[in-house]
Amino acid sequence: LDPEDHGKGFLDSVPAALPALTRALKLQEKAARVGFDWSEAAPILDKI
């Protein structure tokens, strides 16, 4: 079988069938593990 059971990318292990809000959270959490994240909450308000 294909050894990459969830796909090839770093974020592909986050199940696509999750509710969209939950999947967004999981994707963000995983990306944050490798430093791809905001340093604090305040700038995110500007992004919104």
All heavy atoms as atom14 arrays in JSON, in Angstrom:
{
  "sequence": "LDPEDHGKGFLDSVPAALPALTRALKLQEKAARVGFDWSEAAPILDKI",
  "atom14_mask": [
    [1, 1, 1, 1, 1, 1, 1, 1, 0, 0, 0, 0, 0, 0],
    [1, 1, 1, 1, 1, 1, 1, 1, 0, 0, 0, 0, 0, 0],
    [1, 1, 1, 1, 1, 1, 1, 0, 0, 0, 0, 0, 0, 0],
    [1, 1, 1, 1, 1, 1, 1, 1, 1, 0, 0, 0, 0, 0],
    [1, 1, 1, 1, 1, 1, 1, 1, 0, 0, 0, 0, 0, 0],
    [1, 1, 1, 1, 1, 1, 1, 1, 1, 1, 0, 0, 0, 0],
    [1, 1, 1, 1, 0, 0, 0, 0, 0, 0, 0, 0, 0, 0],
    [1, 1, 1, 1, 1, 1, 1, 1, 1, 0, 0, 0, 0, 0],
    [1, 1, 1, 1, 0, 0, 0, 0, 0, 0, 0, 0, 0, 0],
    [1, 1, 1, 1, 1, 1, 1, 1, 1, 1, 1, 0, 0, 0],
    [1, 1, 1, 1, 1, 1, 1, 1, 0, 0, 0, 0, 0, 0],
    [1, 1, 1, 1, 1, 1, 1, 1, 0, 0, 0, 0, 0, 0],
    [1, 1, 1, 1, 1, 1, 0, 0, 0, 0, 0, 0, 0, 0],
    [1, 1, 1, 1, 1, 1, 1, 0, 0, 0, 0, 0, 0, 0],
    [1, 1, 1, 1, 1, 1, 1, 0, 0, 0, 0, 0, 0, 0],
    [1, 1, 1, 1, 1, 0, 0, 0, 0, 0, 0, 0, 0, 0],
    [1, 1, 1, 1, 1, 0, 0, 0, 0, 0, 0, 0, 0, 0],
    [1, 1, 1, 1, 1, 1, 1, 1, 0, 0, 0, 0, 0, 0],
    [1, 1, 1, 1, 1, 1, 1, 0, 0, 0, 0, 0, 0, 0],
    [1, 1, 1, 1, 1, 0, 0, 0, 0, 0, 0, 0, 0, 0],
    [1, 1, 1, 1, 1, 1, 1, 1, 0, 0, 0, 0, 0, 0],
    [1, 1, 1, 1, 1, 1, 1, 0, 0, 0, 0, 0, 0, 0],
    [1, 1, 1, 1, 1, 1, 1, 1, 1, 1, 1, 0, 0, 0],
    [1, 1, 1, 1, 1, 0, 0, 0, 0, 0, 0, 0, 0, 0],
    [1, 1, 1, 1, 1, 1, 1, 1, 0, 0, 0, 0, 0, 0],
    [1, 1, 1, 1, 1, 1, 1, 1, 1, 0, 0, 0, 0, 0],
    [1, 1, 1, 1, 1, 1, 1, 1, 0, 0, 0, 0, 0, 0],
    [1, 1, 1, 1, 1, 1, 1, 1, 1, 0, 0, 0, 0, 0],
    [1, 1, 1, 1, 1, 1, 1, 1, 1, 0, 0, 0, 0, 0],
    [1, 1, 1, 1, 1, 1, 1, 1, 1, 0, 0, 0, 0, 0],
    [1, 1, 1, 1, 1, 0, 0, 0, 0, 0, 0, 0, 0, 0],
    [1, 1, 1, 1, 1, 0, 0, 0, 0, 0, 0, 0, 0, 0],
    [1, 1, 1, 1, 1, 1, 1, 1, 1, 1, 1, 0, 0, 0],
    [1, 1, 1, 1, 1, 1, 1, 0, 0, 0, 0, 0, 0, 0],
    [1, 1, 1, 1, 0, 0, 0, 0, 0, 0, 0, 0, 0, 0],
    [1, 1, 1, 1, 1, 1, 1, 1, 1, 1, 1, 0, 0, 0],
    [1, 1, 1, 1, 1, 1, 1, 1, 0, 0, 0, 0, 0, 0],
    [1, 1, 1, 1, 1, 1, 1, 1, 1, 1, 1, 1, 1, 1],
    [1, 1, 1, 1, 1, 1, 0, 0, 0, 0, 0, 0, 0, 0],
    [1, 1, 1, 1, 1, 1, 1, 1, 1, 0, 0, 0, 0, 0],
    [1, 1, 1, 1, 1, 0, 0, 0, 0, 0, 0, 0, 0, 0],
    [1, 1, 1, 1, 1, 0, 0, 0, 0, 0, 0, 0, 0, 0],
    [1, 1, 1, 1, 1, 1, 1, 0, 0, 0, 0, 0, 0, 0],
    [1, 1, 1, 1, 1, 1, 1, 1, 0, 0, 0, 0, 0, 0],
    [1, 1, 1, 1, 1, 1, 1, 1, 0, 0, 0, 0, 0, 0],
    [1, 1, 1, 1, 1, 1, 1, 1, 0, 0, 0, 0, 0, 0],
    [1, 1, 1, 1, 1, 1, 1, 1, 1, 0, 0, 0, 0, 0],
    [1, 1, 1, 1, 1, 1, 1, 1, 0, 0, 0, 0, 0, 0]
  ],
  "atom14_positions": [
    [[0.83, -1.2, 0.0], [0.0, 0.0, 0.0], [0.86, 1.25, 0.0], [2.06, 1.2, 0.3], [-0.91, 0.01, 1.24], [-1.87, -1.16, 1.39], [-2.59, -1.06, 2.73], [-2.88, -1.18, 0.25], [0.0, 0.0, 0.0], [0.0, 0.0, 0.0], [0.0, 0.0, 0.0], [0.0, 0.0, 0.0], [0.0, 0.0, 0.0], [0.0, 0.0, 0.0]],
    [[0.24, 2.37, -0.34], [0.94, 3.66, -0.27], [1.31, 3.9, 1.19], [0.44, 3.9, 2.07], [0.0, 4.77, -0.77], [0.7, 6.12, -0.88], [1.69, 6.34, -0.16], [0.24, 6.95, -1.68], [0.0, 0.0, 0.0], [0.0, 0.0, 0.0], [0.0, 0.0, 0.0], [0.0, 0.0, 0.0], [0.0, 0.0, 0.0], [0.0, 0.0, 0.0]],
    [[2.58, 4.11, 1.49], [2.99, 4.31, 2.89], [2.41, 5.56, 3.52], [2.23, 5.64, 4.73], [4.51, 4.38, 2.81], [4.79, 4.83, 1.42], [3.73, 4.16, 0.59], [0.0, 0.0, 0.0], [0.0, 0.0, 0.0], [0.0, 0.0, 0.0], [0.0, 0.0, 0.0], [0.0, 0.0, 0.0], [0.0, 0.0, 0.0], [0.0, 0.0, 0.0]],
    [[2.1, 6.55, 2.69], [1.53, 7.8, 3.21], [0.01, 7.66, 3.22], [-0.68, 8.09, 2.31], [1.96, 8.98, 2.34], [3.47, 9.11, 2.17], [4.18, 9.34, 3.49], [3.54, 9.82, 4.45], [5.38, 9.04, 3.56], [0.0, 0.0, 0.0], [0.0, 0.0, 0.0], [0.0, 0.0, 0.0], [0.0, 0.0, 0.0], [0.0, 0.0, 0.0]],
    [[-0.51, 7.04, 4.27], [-1.93, 6.71, 4.31], [-2.85, 7.92, 4.33], [-4.0, 7.83, 3.95], [-2.24, 5.8, 5.51], [-1.84, 6.43, 6.84], [-0.86, 7.19, 6.85], [-2.5, 6.16, 7.83], [0.0, 0.0, 0.0], [0.0, 0.0, 0.0], [0.0, 0.0, 0.0], [0.0, 0.0, 0.0], [0.0, 0.0, 0.0], [0.0, 0.0, 0.0]],
    [[-2.35, 9.07, 4.78], [-3.2, 10.25, 4.83], [-2.81, 11.29, 3.78], [-3.23, 12.43, 3.85], [-3.14, 10.9, 6.23], [-3.85, 10.1, 7.27], [-5.2, 9.83, 7.21], [-3.4, 9.51, 8.4], [-5.56, 9.11, 8.26], [-4.49, 8.9, 8.98], [0.0, 0.0, 0.0], [0.0, 0.0, 0.0], [0.0, 0.0, 0.0], [0.0, 0.0, 0.0]],
    [[-2.0, 10.93, 2.81], [-1.58, 11.9, 1.82], [-0.11, 12.23, 1.95], [0.61, 11.64, 2.74], [0.0, 0.0, 0.0], [0.0, 0.0, 0.0], [0.0, 0.0, 0.0], [0.0, 0.0, 0.0], [0.0, 0.0, 0.0], [0.0, 0.0, 0.0], [0.0, 0.0, 0.0], [0.0, 0.0, 0.0], [0.0, 0.0, 0.0], [0.0, 0.0, 0.0]],
    [[0.35, 13.18, 1.16], [1.77, 13.48, 1.1], [2.17, 14.69, 1.93], [3.33, 14.85, 2.28], [2.16, 13.75, -0.36], [1.66, 12.7, -1.36], [2.21, 11.32, -1.06], [1.73, 10.32, -2.11], [2.16, 8.95, -1.82], [0.0, 0.0, 0.0], [0.0, 0.0, 0.0], [0.0, 0.0, 0.0], [0.0, 0.0, 0.0], [0.0, 0.0, 0.0]],
    [[1.24, 15.58, 2.21], [1.58, 16.83, 2.87], [1.59, 16.75, 4.39], [1.01, 15.84, 4.99], [0.0, 0.0, 0.0], [0.0, 0.0, 0.0], [0.0, 0.0, 0.0], [0.0, 0.0, 0.0], [0.0, 0.0, 0.0], [0.0, 0.0, 0.0], [0.0, 0.0, 0.0], [0.0, 0.0, 0.0], [0.0, 0.0, 0.0], [0.0, 0.0, 0.0]],
    [[2.21, 17.74, 5.01], [2.34, 17.8, 6.46], [0.97, 17.88, 7.14], [0.77, 17.33, 8.23], [3.19, 19.02, 6.86], [3.4, 19.17, 8.34], [4.24, 18.3, 9.04], [2.76, 20.18, 9.04], [4.43, 18.44, 10.4], [2.95, 20.33, 10.41], [3.79, 19.46, 11.09], [0.0, 0.0, 0.0], [0.0, 0.0, 0.0], [0.0, 0.0, 0.0]],
    [[0.02, 18.54, 6.5], [-1.29, 18.73, 7.1], [-2.32, 17.68, 6.67], [-3.47, 17.72, 7.11], [-1.83, 20.13, 6.75], [-1.01, 21.32, 7.24], [-1.67, 22.62, 6.77], [-0.89, 21.32, 8.76], [0.0, 0.0, 0.0], [0.0, 0.0, 0.0], [0.0, 0.0, 0.0], [0.0, 0.0, 0.0], [0.0, 0.0, 0.0], [0.0, 0.0, 0.0]],
    [[-1.91, 16.75, 5.81], [-2.87, 15.81, 5.25], [-3.39, 14.77, 6.24], [-4.34, 14.05, 5.93], [-2.26, 15.09, 4.04], [-2.13, 16.01, 2.84], [-2.81, 17.05, 2.84], [-1.34, 15.7, 1.93], [0.0, 0.0, 0.0], [0.0, 0.0, 0.0], [0.0, 0.0, 0.0], [0.0, 0.0, 0.0], [0.0, 0.0, 0.0], [0.0, 0.0, 0.0]],
    [[-2.79, 14.7, 7.42], [-3.29, 13.74, 8.41], [-4.5, 14.27, 9.16], [-5.14, 13.54, 9.92], [-2.17, 13.4, 9.41], [-1.77, 14.55, 10.12], [0.0, 0.0, 0.0], [0.0, 0.0, 0.0], [0.0, 0.0, 0.0], [0.0, 0.0, 0.0], [0.0, 0.0, 0.0], [0.0, 0.0, 0.0], [0.0, 0.0, 0.0], [0.0, 0.0, 0.0]],
    [[-4.83, 15.55, 8.96], [-6.03, 16.12, 9.59], [-7.23, 15.68, 8.76], [-7.35, 16.04, 7.59], [-5.97, 17.66, 9.64], [-7.24, 18.21, 10.26], [-4.75, 18.12, 10.42], [0.0, 0.0, 0.0], [0.0, 0.0, 0.0], [0.0, 0.0, 0.0], [0.0, 0.0, 0.0], [0.0, 0.0, 0.0], [0.0, 0.0, 0.0], [0.0, 0.0, 0.0]],
    [[-8.14, 14.87, 9.33], [-9.25, 14.3, 8.57], [-10.14, 15.34, 7.89], [-10.55, 16.32, 8.52], [-10.05, 13.53, 9.63], [-9.05, 13.23, 10.7], [-8.15, 14.43, 10.74], [0.0, 0.0, 0.0], [0.0, 0.0, 0.0], [0.0, 0.0, 0.0], [0.0, 0.0, 0.0], [0.0, 0.0, 0.0], [0.0, 0.0, 0.0], [0.0, 0.0, 0.0]],
    [[-10.42, 15.13, 6.62], [-11.26, 16.05, 5.86], [-12.72, 15.98, 6.31], [-13.49, 16.91, 6.07], [-11.17, 15.74, 4.37], [0.0, 0.0, 0.0], [0.0, 0.0, 0.0], [0.0, 0.0, 0.0], [0.0, 0.0, 0.0], [0.0, 0.0, 0.0], [0.0, 0.0, 0.0], [0.0, 0.0, 0.0], [0.0, 0.0, 0.0], [0.0, 0.0, 0.0]],
    [[-13.11, 14.87, 6.96], [-14.5, 14.69, 7.36], [-14.86, 15.41, 8.67], [-16.03, 15.42, 9.06], [-14.81, 13.2, 7.51], [0.0, 0.0, 0.0], [0.0, 0.0, 0.0], [0.0, 0.0, 0.0], [0.0, 0.0, 0.0], [0.0, 0.0, 0.0], [0.0, 0.0, 0.0], [0.0, 0.0, 0.0], [0.0, 0.0, 0.0], [0.0, 0.0, 0.0]],
    [[-13.89, 16.02, 9.33], [-14.18, 16.75, 10.55], [-15.11, 17.93, 10.25], [-15.09, 18.47, 9.15], [-12.88, 17.29, 11.17], [-11.94, 16.31, 11.87], [-10.65, 17.03, 12.25], [-12.59, 15.71, 13.1], [0.0, 0.0, 0.0], [0.0, 0.0, 0.0], [0.0, 0.0, 0.0], [0.0, 0.0, 0.0], [0.0, 0.0, 0.0], [0.0, 0.0, 0.0]],
    [[-15.91, 18.36, 11.24], [-16.67, 19.6, 11.05], [-15.7, 20.72, 10.68], [-14.58, 20.76, 11.18], [-17.3, 19.83, 12.43], [-17.39, 18.47, 13.03], [-16.17, 17.74, 12.55], [0.0, 0.0, 0.0], [0.0, 0.0, 0.0], [0.0, 0.0, 0.0], [0.0, 0.0, 0.0], [0.0, 0.0, 0.0], [0.0, 0.0, 0.0], [0.0, 0.0, 0.0]],
    [[-16.13, 21.62, 9.8], [-15.21, 22.61, 9.24], [-14.5, 23.46, 10.29], [-13.29, 23.73, 10.17], [-15.98, 23.51, 8.27], [0.0, 0.0, 0.0], [0.0, 0.0, 0.0], [0.0, 0.0, 0.0], [0.0, 0.0, 0.0], [0.0, 0.0, 0.0], [0.0, 0.0, 0.0], [0.0, 0.0, 0.0], [0.0, 0.0, 0.0], [0.0, 0.0, 0.0]],
    [[-15.22, 23.88, 11.33], [-14.58, 24.7, 12.37], [-13.51, 23.91, 13.11], [-12.42, 24.41, 13.39], [-15.62, 25.22, 13.36], [-16.59, 26.29, 12.85], [-17.58, 26.66, 13.96], [-15.85, 27.53, 12.39], [0.0, 0.0, 0.0], [0.0, 0.0, 0.0], [0.0, 0.0, 0.0], [0.0, 0.0, 0.0], [0.0, 0.0, 0.0], [0.0, 0.0, 0.0]],
    [[-13.83, 22.66, 13.41], [-12.86, 21.8, 14.11], [-11.66, 21.52, 13.23], [-10.52, 21.53, 13.69], [-13.53, 20.47, 14.53], [-14.6, 20.75, 15.43], [-12.53, 19.55, 15.21], [0.0, 0.0, 0.0], [0.0, 0.0, 0.0], [0.0, 0.0, 0.0], [0.0, 0.0, 0.0], [0.0, 0.0, 0.0], [0.0, 0.0, 0.0], [0.0, 0.0, 0.0]],
    [[-11.89, 21.28, 11.94], [-10.78, 21.0, 11.03], [-9.88, 22.23, 10.89], [-8.66, 22.11, 10.84], [-11.3, 20.57, 9.66], [-10.17, 20.12, 8.73], [-10.7, 19.37, 7.52], [-9.58, 18.83, 6.76], [-9.26, 19.2, 5.53], [-10.0, 20.12, 4.91], [-8.24, 18.67, 4.91], [0.0, 0.0, 0.0], [0.0, 0.0, 0.0], [0.0, 0.0, 0.0]],
    [[-10.49, 23.41, 10.85], [-9.7, 24.64, 10.78], [-8.78, 24.74, 11.99], [-7.6, 25.07, 11.88], [-10.62, 25.86, 10.71], [0.0, 0.0, 0.0], [0.0, 0.0, 0.0], [0.0, 0.0, 0.0], [0.0, 0.0, 0.0], [0.0, 0.0, 0.0], [0.0, 0.0, 0.0], [0.0, 0.0, 0.0], [0.0, 0.0, 0.0], [0.0, 0.0, 0.0]],
    [[-9.34, 24.44, 13.17], [-8.55, 24.47, 14.4], [-7.4, 23.48, 14.35], [-6.25, 23.81, 14.69], [-9.46, 24.18, 15.6], [-8.78, 24.05, 16.96], [-8.11, 25.37, 17.35], [-9.79, 23.62, 18.02], [0.0, 0.0, 0.0], [0.0, 0.0, 0.0], [0.0, 0.0, 0.0], [0.0, 0.0, 0.0], [0.0, 0.0, 0.0], [0.0, 0.0, 0.0]],
    [[-7.68, 22.25, 13.91], [-6.66, 21.2, 13.86], [-5.56, 21.56, 12.86], [-4.36, 21.31, 13.11], [-7.29, 19.86, 13.49], [-8.3, 19.34, 14.49], [-7.68, 19.05, 15.84], [-8.71, 18.44, 16.78], [-8.13, 18.21, 18.15], [0.0, 0.0, 0.0], [0.0, 0.0, 0.0], [0.0, 0.0, 0.0], [0.0, 0.0, 0.0], [0.0, 0.0, 0.0]],
    [[-5.94, 22.11, 11.71], [-4.95, 22.52, 10.71], [-4.04, 23.61, 11.27], [-2.82, 23.57, 11.1], [-5.66, 23.03, 9.45], [-6.37, 21.98, 8.59], [-7.25, 22.67, 7.55], [-5.35, 21.07, 7.9], [0.0, 0.0, 0.0], [0.0, 0.0, 0.0], [0.0, 0.0, 0.0], [0.0, 0.0, 0.0], [0.0, 0.0, 0.0], [0.0, 0.0, 0.0]],
    [[-4.65, 24.57, 11.94], [-3.87, 25.67, 12.53], [-2.94, 25.16, 13.63], [-1.77, 25.59, 13.72], [-4.82, 26.73, 13.08], [-5.61, 27.46, 12.0], [-6.75, 28.28, 12.57], [-6.9, 28.4, 13.78], [-7.57, 28.84, 11.69], [0.0, 0.0, 0.0], [0.0, 0.0, 0.0], [0.0, 0.0, 0.0], [0.0, 0.0, 0.0], [0.0, 0.0, 0.0]],
    [[-3.44, 24.27, 14.46], [-2.63, 23.73, 15.55], [-1.41, 22.98, 15.0], [-0.3, 23.12, 15.53], [-3.46, 22.79, 16.43], [-4.47, 23.5, 17.31], [-5.33, 22.53, 18.11], [-5.46, 21.36, 17.7], [-5.88, 22.94, 19.14], [0.0, 0.0, 0.0], [0.0, 0.0, 0.0], [0.0, 0.0, 0.0], [0.0, 0.0, 0.0], [0.0, 0.0, 0.0]],
    [[-1.63, 22.21, 13.95], [-0.52, 21.43, 13.4], [0.5, 22.33, 12.73], [1.71, 22.13, 12.88], [-1.05, 20.38, 12.42], [0.03, 19.39, 12.0], [-0.52, 18.11, 11.44], [0.62, 17.11, 11.22], [0.16, 15.84, 10.62], [0.0, 0.0, 0.0], [0.0, 0.0, 0.0], [0.0, 0.0, 0.0], [0.0, 0.0, 0.0], [0.0, 0.0, 0.0]],
    [[0.03, 23.34, 11.99], [0.95, 24.28, 11.35], [1.76, 25.03, 12.41], [2.94, 25.33, 12.2], [0.18, 25.25, 10.47], [0.0, 0.0, 0.0], [0.0, 0.0, 0.0], [0.0, 0.0, 0.0], [0.0, 0.0, 0.0], [0.0, 0.0, 0.0], [0.0, 0.0, 0.0], [0.0, 0.0, 0.0], [0.0, 0.0, 0.0], [0.0, 0.0, 0.0]],
    [[1.11, 25.3, 13.55], [1.78, 26.04, 14.62], [2.94, 25.25, 15.22], [3.9, 25.82, 15.75], [0.78, 26.4, 15.72], [0.0, 0.0, 0.0], [0.0, 0.0, 0.0], [0.0, 0.0, 0.0], [0.0, 0.0, 0.0], [0.0, 0.0, 0.0], [0.0, 0.0, 0.0], [0.0, 0.0, 0.0], [0.0, 0.0, 0.0], [0.0, 0.0, 0.0]],
    [[2.87, 23.91, 15.13], [3.94, 23.08, 15.7], [5.28, 23.31, 15.02], [6.33, 23.08, 15.6], [3.57, 21.6, 15.58], [2.38, 21.17, 16.43], [2.08, 19.7, 16.21], [0.76, 19.34, 16.68], [0.17, 18.19, 16.42], [0.8, 17.28, 15.69], [-1.05, 17.93, 16.87], [0.0, 0.0, 0.0], [0.0, 0.0, 0.0], [0.0, 0.0, 0.0]],
    [[5.23, 23.77, 13.77], [6.49, 24.03, 13.05], [6.73, 25.52, 12.91], [7.5, 25.97, 12.06], [6.49, 23.34, 11.66], [6.53, 21.83, 11.83], [5.26, 23.75, 10.83], [0.0, 0.0, 0.0], [0.0, 0.0, 0.0], [0.0, 0.0, 0.0], [0.0, 0.0, 0.0], [0.0, 0.0, 0.0], [0.0, 0.0, 0.0], [0.0, 0.0, 0.0]],
    [[6.05, 26.32, 13.75], [6.31, 27.74, 13.81], [5.5, 28.62, 12.89], [5.69, 29.84, 12.87], [0.0, 0.0, 0.0], [0.0, 0.0, 0.0], [0.0, 0.0, 0.0], [0.0, 0.0, 0.0], [0.0, 0.0, 0.0], [0.0, 0.0, 0.0], [0.0, 0.0, 0.0], [0.0, 0.0, 0.0], [0.0, 0.0, 0.0], [0.0, 0.0, 0.0]],
    [[4.58, 28.03, 12.11], [3.76, 28.84, 11.21], [2.53, 29.3, 11.99], [1.48, 28.64, 11.98], [3.35, 28.01, 9.99], [2.75, 28.85, 8.88], [3.55, 29.64, 8.08], [1.38, 28.84, 8.64], [3.01, 30.41, 7.06], [0.82, 29.6, 7.63], [1.64, 30.4, 6.84], [0.0, 0.0, 0.0], [0.0, 0.0, 0.0], [0.0, 0.0, 0.0]],
    [[2.66, 30.45, 12.66], [1.61, 30.88, 13.57], [1.79, 32.35, 13.93], [2.88, 32.91, 13.79], [1.64, 30.03, 14.85], [0.38, 30.14, 15.68], [-0.62, 30.68, 15.18], [0.39, 29.69, 16.84], [0.0, 0.0, 0.0], [0.0, 0.0, 0.0], [0.0, 0.0, 0.0], [0.0, 0.0, 0.0], [0.0, 0.0, 0.0], [0.0, 0.0, 0.0]],
    [[0.73, 32.97, 14.4], [0.8, 34.32, 14.94], [1.46, 34.24, 16.32], [1.26, 33.28, 17.06], [-0.6, 34.91, 15.09], [-1.36, 35.05, 13.81], [-2.16, 34.12, 13.23], [-1.37, 36.19, 12.95], [-2.68, 34.6, 12.05], [-2.22, 35.87, 11.85], [-0.77, 37.44, 12.98], [-2.48, 36.76, 10.82], [-1.03, 38.33, 11.95], [-1.86, 38.0, 10.88]],
    [[2.2, 35.25, 16.67], [2.88, 35.25, 17.97], [1.93, 35.6, 19.11], [2.16, 35.24, 20.26], [4.05, 36.24, 17.96], [3.6, 37.56, 17.67], [0.0, 0.0, 0.0], [0.0, 0.0, 0.0], [0.0, 0.0, 0.0], [0.0, 0.0, 0.0], [0.0, 0.0, 0.0], [0.0, 0.0, 0.0], [0.0, 0.0, 0.0], [0.0, 0.0, 0.0]],
    [[0.84, 36.31, 18.8], [-0.14, 36.69, 19.81], [-1.5, 36.91, 19.16], [-1.61, 36.9, 17.92], [0.31, 37.96, 20.54], [0.59, 39.14, 19.62], [1.12, 40.34, 20.37], [1.02, 40.35, 21.61], [1.6, 41.28, 19.71], [0.0, 0.0, 0.0], [0.0, 0.0, 0.0], [0.0, 0.0, 0.0], [0.0, 0.0, 0.0], [0.0, 0.0, 0.0]],
    [[-2.51, 37.13, 19.99], [-3.87, 37.21, 19.47], [-4.2, 38.55, 18.82], [-4.94, 38.59, 17.82], [-4.86, 36.94, 20.61], [0.0, 0.0, 0.0], [0.0, 0.0, 0.0], [0.0, 0.0, 0.0], [0.0, 0.0, 0.0], [0.0, 0.0, 0.0], [0.0, 0.0, 0.0], [0.0, 0.0, 0.0], [0.0, 0.0, 0.0], [0.0, 0.0, 0.0]],
    [[-3.67, 39.65, 19.35], [-4.07, 40.99, 18.9], [-4.01, 41.19, 17.38], [-4.97, 41.72, 16.78], [-3.24, 42.04, 19.62], [0.0, 0.0, 0.0], [0.0, 0.0, 0.0], [0.0, 0.0, 0.0], [0.0, 0.0, 0.0], [0.0, 0.0, 0.0], [0.0, 0.0, 0.0], [0.0, 0.0, 0.0], [0.0, 0.0, 0.0], [0.0, 0.0, 0.0]],
    [[-2.91, 40.81, 16.71], [-2.85, 41.04, 15.25], [-3.92, 40.27, 14.47], [-4.24, 40.65, 13.33], [-1.44, 40.55, 14.88], [-0.67, 40.59, 16.14], [-1.66, 40.24, 17.2], [0.0, 0.0, 0.0], [0.0, 0.0, 0.0], [0.0, 0.0, 0.0], [0.0, 0.0, 0.0], [0.0, 0.0, 0.0], [0.0, 0.0, 0.0], [0.0, 0.0, 0.0]],
    [[-4.45, 39.21, 15.06], [-5.46, 38.43, 14.36], [-6.75, 39.23, 14.22], [-7.5, 39.06, 13.25], [-5.72, 37.09, 15.07], [-4.4, 36.33, 15.28], [-6.67, 36.22, 14.26], [-4.54, 35.02, 16.02], [0.0, 0.0, 0.0], [0.0, 0.0, 0.0], [0.0, 0.0, 0.0], [0.0, 0.0, 0.0], [0.0, 0.0, 0.0], [0.0, 0.0, 0.0]],
    [[-7.01, 40.13, 15.18], [-8.18, 41.0, 15.06], [-8.05, 41.88, 13.82], [-9.03, 42.11, 13.1], [-8.31, 41.87, 16.32], [-8.84, 41.16, 17.57], [-8.69, 42.06, 18.79], [-10.3, 40.77, 17.38], [0.0, 0.0, 0.0], [0.0, 0.0, 0.0], [0.0, 0.0, 0.0], [0.0, 0.0, 0.0], [0.0, 0.0, 0.0], [0.0, 0.0, 0.0]],
    [[-6.83, 42.37, 13.56], [-6.59, 43.16, 12.36], [-6.83, 42.31, 11.12], [-7.37, 42.79, 10.11], [-5.17, 43.71, 12.34], [-4.9, 44.68, 13.49], [-5.86, 45.35, 13.92], [-3.75, 44.76, 13.95], [0.0, 0.0, 0.0], [0.0, 0.0, 0.0], [0.0, 0.0, 0.0], [0.0, 0.0, 0.0], [0.0, 0.0, 0.0], [0.0, 0.0, 0.0]],
    [[-6.41, 41.03, 11.18], [-6.6, 40.12, 10.06], [-8.09, 39.89, 9.8], [-8.54, 39.85, 8.65], [-5.9, 38.79, 10.34], [-6.02, 37.77, 9.23], [-5.35, 38.25, 7.95], [-5.4, 37.19, 6.87], [-4.85, 37.67, 5.58], [0.0, 0.0, 0.0], [0.0, 0.0, 0.0], [0.0, 0.0, 0.0], [0.0, 0.0, 0.0], [0.0, 0.0, 0.0]],
    [[-8.86, 39.76, 10.88], [-10.31, 39.56, 10.74], [-10.94, 40.78, 10.08], [-11.78, 40.65, 9.17], [-10.95, 39.29, 12.11], [-10.48, 37.94, 12.67], [-12.47, 39.32, 12.01], [-10.92, 37.67, 14.09], [0.0, 0.0, 0.0], [0.0, 0.0, 0.0], [0.0, 0.0, 0.0], [0.0, 0.0, 0.0], [0.0, 0.0, 0.0], [0.0, 0.0, 0.0]]
  ]
}
